[in-house]
Amino acid sequence: MATTRTITNAWVTRTLPDIFYEEPEIAEDAVVQEIALDRIKHLLMQRYGKRADVFISGLFYVAYDIADGNRRVQPDCFIAFDVDAEAIRRNLPHFWVWEAGKVPDFVMEVASPSTAANDLGHKRDLYAELGVSEYWRFDSTGGDLYGQPLVGERLIDGEYQPYESQVGEDGSVRSYSELLDLEFYWNGEEFDVLDPETGKTIDLLEIEREARIAAEARERALLAEIARLRQQQTTR
């Protein structure tokens, strides 16, 4: 359930430094991340986007010090549970921890040449310090930038410990998120999010496409059986 915490309308009070009202800076090679990021956010929004107590973004800064507006970080994708998502979007220019009432629970970074070192170093240390429960990294190059294509870590006693990854014979990688109860999967070309019980994608468009194909196959089989029975009758 969403928190009952009242979130101040920053557009009315404007009590914090002007830096909060500037547009986020875009990495010079952000296009490298764009396709994977769009896919990741699309899938996570399908799973959680309709919940009023879940805030998902990749556009917002996370500002974590009410006394210093420069102390902020911009994750590629993050999720905060048990917050008032609509109030955050309506009242805040960015995700202000002191207003939201908590830090994000989940962060995923997507590798690019200009950001990889920061993702592995400063950002990882900062997320652990802030208390982000799970930190994930996806490298669409297969590991050239992060060393591994897909890495998930959970915070235990203030330090990140890696989740186990399963590598298939075809080179595919999957790893389970305890927090989200989902599996992240990369087949060497495309990133996906899977239902751990079925092992299938959570992508509603793909689910609908598969259901349509199955229904069409059943219809063809039924028509074929009707035709066979009619043929049997005419040959008696």
Protein backbone atom coordinates (compact mmCIF):
# COMPACT_ATOMS: atom_id res chain seq x y z
CA MET A 1 0.00 0.00 0.00
CA ALA A 2 1.13 3.54 -0.71
CA THR A 3 2.49 5.55 2.17
CA THR A 4 0.21 8.10 3.82
CA ARG A 5 3.12 10.53 3.95
CA THR A 6 2.27 14.02 2.63
CA ILE A 7 4.65 15.10 -0.13
CA THR A 8 5.23 18.83 -0.34
CA ASN A 9 4.53 20.50 -3.67
CA ALA A 10 7.99 21.73 -4.66
CA TRP A 11 6.62 23.85 -7.49
CA VAL A 12 4.81 25.95 -4.88
CA THR A 13 7.39 26.14 -2.11
CA ARG A 14 10.61 26.22 -4.18
CA THR A 15 12.68 26.22 -1.02
CA LEU A 16 15.65 24.29 -2.42
CA PRO A 17 18.57 25.22 -4.71
CA ASP A 18 17.89 26.07 -8.36
CA ILE A 19 20.00 23.12 -9.46
CA PHE A 20 17.00 20.89 -8.84
CA TYR A 21 15.13 22.60 -11.64
CA GLU A 22 17.76 22.04 -14.30
CA GLU A 23 17.31 19.34 -16.92
CA PRO A 24 19.31 16.13 -16.26
CA GLU A 25 22.56 15.91 -18.16
CA ILE A 26 22.64 13.34 -20.96
CA ALA A 27 25.72 11.16 -21.39
CA GLU A 28 27.44 11.73 -24.73
CA ASP A 29 27.04 8.05 -25.64
CA ALA A 30 23.56 7.58 -24.15
CA VAL A 31 22.36 6.20 -27.48
CA VAL A 32 24.34 3.03 -26.64
CA GLN A 33 22.00 2.43 -23.71
CA GLU A 34 18.75 3.57 -25.28
CA ILE A 35 17.37 0.33 -26.78
CA ALA A 36 18.16 -1.80 -23.71
CA LEU A 37 16.86 0.85 -21.31
CA ASP A 38 13.61 1.27 -23.21
CA ARG A 39 13.11 -2.49 -23.11
CA ILE A 40 13.87 -2.77 -19.40
CA LYS A 41 11.61 0.11 -18.37
CA HIS A 42 8.84 -1.10 -20.68
CA LEU A 43 8.79 -4.53 -19.04
CA LEU A 44 9.02 -3.27 -15.47
CA MET A 45 6.28 -0.73 -16.14
CA GLN A 46 4.08 -3.54 -17.44
CA ARG A 47 4.55 -5.39 -14.15
CA TYR A 48 4.35 -2.48 -11.69
CA GLY A 49 3.20 0.62 -13.57
CA LYS A 50 -0.45 0.40 -12.51
CA ARG A 51 0.34 0.20 -8.80
CA ALA A 52 -0.17 3.46 -6.92
CA ASP A 53 2.48 2.50 -4.35
CA VAL A 54 5.30 1.86 -6.83
CA PHE A 55 7.41 4.58 -8.45
CA ILE A 56 9.47 3.63 -11.51
CA SER A 57 11.72 6.00 -13.40
CA GLY A 58 14.94 6.45 -15.27
CA LEU A 59 14.56 10.17 -15.91
CA PHE A 60 14.64 11.44 -12.34
CA TYR A 61 17.59 12.28 -10.19
CA VAL A 62 17.60 10.72 -6.75
CA ALA A 63 18.50 13.55 -4.34
CA TYR A 64 19.44 12.28 -0.90
CA ASP A 65 20.58 15.29 1.16
CA ILE A 66 18.06 18.01 1.99
CA ALA A 67 20.91 20.32 2.99
CA ASP A 68 22.89 19.98 -0.25
CA GLY A 69 21.15 19.94 -3.61
CA ASN A 70 24.32 18.80 -5.37
CA ARG A 71 24.25 15.44 -3.61
CA ARG A 72 22.23 13.50 -6.14
CA VAL A 73 22.57 10.54 -8.49
CA GLN A 74 20.75 9.54 -11.66
CA PRO A 75 20.18 5.78 -12.00
CA ASP A 76 19.35 4.42 -15.44
CA CYS A 77 16.30 2.72 -13.96
CA PHE A 78 15.03 2.55 -10.39
CA ILE A 79 12.01 1.35 -8.42
CA ALA A 80 10.72 2.49 -5.04
CA PHE A 81 8.00 0.50 -3.31
CA ASP A 82 5.52 1.72 -0.69
CA VAL A 83 5.54 5.33 -1.85
CA ASP A 84 2.90 7.67 -3.27
CA ALA A 85 3.93 7.47 -6.93
CA GLU A 86 1.42 10.02 -8.21
CA ALA A 87 2.34 12.59 -5.57
CA ILE A 88 6.02 12.22 -6.39
CA ARG A 89 5.38 12.78 -10.09
CA ARG A 90 2.98 15.63 -9.46
CA ASN A 91 4.84 17.49 -6.72
CA LEU A 92 8.58 16.89 -7.16
CA PRO A 93 11.00 17.77 -9.96
CA HIS A 94 13.10 14.76 -8.94
CA PHE A 95 12.97 11.88 -6.44
CA TRP A 96 13.72 13.62 -3.15
CA VAL A 97 14.39 10.95 -0.54
CA TRP A 98 13.31 13.19 2.36
CA GLU A 99 9.94 13.80 0.69
CA ALA A 100 9.35 10.29 -0.67
CA GLY A 101 10.24 8.90 2.74
CA LYS A 102 12.79 6.35 1.57
CA VAL A 103 15.52 5.55 -0.94
CA PRO A 104 14.78 3.42 -4.02
CA ASP A 105 14.66 -0.32 -3.41
CA PHE A 106 15.97 -1.39 -6.81
CA VAL A 107 18.44 0.11 -9.28
CA MET A 108 19.61 -1.11 -12.67
CA GLU A 109 22.40 0.50 -14.65
CA VAL A 110 23.02 -0.20 -18.34
CA ALA A 111 26.62 -0.02 -19.54
CA SER A 112 28.03 2.56 -21.90
CA PRO A 113 31.71 3.41 -22.44
CA SER A 114 31.41 6.74 -20.63
CA THR A 115 29.49 5.44 -17.60
CA ALA A 116 30.75 1.90 -16.95
CA ALA A 117 33.59 2.81 -14.57
CA ASN A 118 31.28 5.01 -12.50
CA ASP A 119 28.64 2.27 -12.36
CA LEU A 120 31.20 -0.22 -11.06
CA GLY A 121 32.80 2.21 -8.61
CA HIS A 122 31.26 5.37 -7.20
CA LYS A 123 27.63 4.56 -7.95
CA ARG A 124 27.88 1.05 -6.51
CA ASP A 125 29.44 2.39 -3.30
CA LEU A 126 26.84 5.15 -3.07
CA TYR A 127 23.88 2.83 -3.56
CA ALA A 128 25.21 0.57 -0.80
CA GLU A 129 25.70 3.58 1.49
CA LEU A 130 22.18 4.80 0.81
CA GLY A 131 20.69 1.36 1.43
CA VAL A 132 19.41 0.39 -2.03
CA SER A 133 18.34 -3.25 -1.55
CA GLU A 134 19.25 -4.56 -5.01
CA TYR A 135 21.74 -3.25 -7.55
CA TRP A 136 21.76 -4.71 -11.06
CA ARG A 137 24.00 -4.07 -14.04
CA PHE A 138 23.39 -5.05 -17.66
CA ASP A 139 26.07 -4.92 -20.34
CA SER A 140 24.75 -5.47 -23.87
CA THR A 141 28.29 -5.93 -25.19
CA GLY A 142 28.38 -9.27 -23.37
CA GLY A 143 30.74 -8.06 -20.68
CA ASP A 144 33.29 -5.85 -22.44
CA LEU A 145 32.36 -2.91 -20.20
CA TYR A 146 31.30 -4.50 -16.91
CA GLY A 147 33.22 -7.77 -17.14
CA GLN A 148 29.94 -9.72 -17.13
CA PRO A 149 26.77 -9.26 -19.20
CA LEU A 150 24.33 -9.42 -16.28
CA VAL A 151 25.04 -9.00 -12.58
CA GLY A 152 22.59 -8.67 -9.70
CA GLU A 153 23.58 -7.90 -6.13
CA ARG A 154 21.62 -7.68 -2.89
CA LEU A 155 22.56 -5.62 0.14
CA ILE A 156 23.58 -7.72 3.14
CA ASP A 157 24.95 -6.03 6.27
CA GLY A 158 25.74 -2.90 4.29
CA GLU A 159 27.62 -4.62 1.46
CA TYR A 160 26.53 -6.00 -1.90
CA GLN A 161 26.66 -9.75 -2.37
CA PRO A 162 26.12 -11.19 -5.88
CA TYR A 163 23.18 -13.30 -6.91
CA GLU A 164 23.97 -16.52 -8.73
CA SER A 165 23.79 -16.32 -12.51
CA GLN A 166 22.94 -19.29 -14.74
CA VAL A 167 24.79 -19.47 -18.03
CA GLY A 168 23.21 -21.64 -20.74
CA GLU A 169 25.04 -23.72 -23.32
CA ASP A 170 24.05 -21.09 -25.88
CA GLY A 171 25.75 -18.38 -23.82
CA SER A 172 22.50 -16.96 -22.48
CA VAL A 173 22.49 -15.61 -18.93
CA ARG A 174 19.68 -15.44 -16.39
CA SER A 175 19.54 -14.37 -12.77
CA TYR A 176 16.74 -14.19 -10.21
CA SER A 177 15.72 -11.05 -8.31
CA GLU A 178 14.35 -11.91 -4.88
CA LEU A 179 13.00 -8.41 -4.45
CA LEU A 180 10.97 -8.40 -7.67
CA ASP A 181 10.36 -12.17 -7.86
CA LEU A 182 11.40 -12.00 -11.51
CA GLU A 183 14.20 -13.42 -13.63
CA PHE A 184 16.35 -11.19 -15.80
CA TYR A 185 17.51 -12.86 -18.99
CA TRP A 186 19.84 -12.04 -21.86
CA ASN A 187 20.21 -14.33 -24.87
CA GLY A 188 23.14 -12.50 -26.41
CA GLU A 189 20.95 -10.14 -28.40
CA GLU A 190 17.88 -9.13 -26.41
CA PHE A 191 17.16 -8.44 -22.76
CA ASP A 192 14.02 -9.96 -21.27
CA VAL A 193 12.22 -10.33 -17.95
CA LEU A 194 10.77 -13.76 -17.19
CA ASP A 195 8.18 -15.18 -14.84
CA PRO A 196 10.24 -17.56 -12.65
CA GLU A 197 7.40 -20.09 -12.45
CA THR A 198 6.80 -20.43 -16.18
CA GLY A 199 10.19 -19.35 -17.51
CA LYS A 200 8.35 -17.20 -20.07
CA THR A 201 8.48 -13.47 -20.74
CA ILE A 202 6.23 -11.10 -18.83
CA ASP A 203 5.92 -8.94 -21.97
CA LEU A 204 2.16 -8.61 -22.45
CA LEU A 205 2.52 -8.02 -26.19
CA GLU A 206 4.48 -11.24 -26.59
CA ILE A 207 2.06 -13.13 -24.36
CA GLU A 208 -0.86 -11.89 -26.47
CA ARG A 209 0.98 -12.79 -29.69
CA GLU A 210 1.68 -16.33 -28.47
CA ALA A 211 -1.94 -16.73 -27.32
CA ARG A 212 -3.14 -15.56 -30.74
CA ILE A 213 -0.84 -17.99 -32.55
CA ALA A 214 -2.00 -20.84 -30.29
CA ALA A 215 -5.66 -19.95 -30.87
CA GLU A 216 -5.13 -19.85 -34.63
CA ALA A 217 -3.40 -23.23 -34.50
CA ARG A 218 -6.29 -24.72 -32.54
CA GLU A 219 -8.75 -23.28 -35.05
CA ARG A 220 -6.82 -24.76 -37.98
CA ALA A 221 -6.69 -28.14 -36.23
CA LEU A 222 -10.43 -28.01 -35.56
CA LEU A 223 -11.21 -27.13 -39.18
CA ALA A 224 -8.94 -29.90 -40.37
CA GLU A 225 -10.70 -32.39 -38.10
CA ILE A 226 -14.13 -31.24 -39.34
CA ALA A 227 -12.95 -31.64 -42.92
CA ARG A 228 -11.61 -35.12 -42.14
CA LEU A 229 -14.90 -36.21 -40.57
CA ARG A 230 -16.87 -34.88 -43.52
CA GLN A 231 -14.59 -36.72 -45.89
CA GLN A 232 -15.13 -39.90 -43.90
CA GLN A 233 -18.89 -39.51 -44.19
CA THR A 234 -18.83 -39.01 -47.96
CA THR A 235 -16.71 -42.10 -48.55
CA ARG A 236 -18.98 -44.49 -46.63
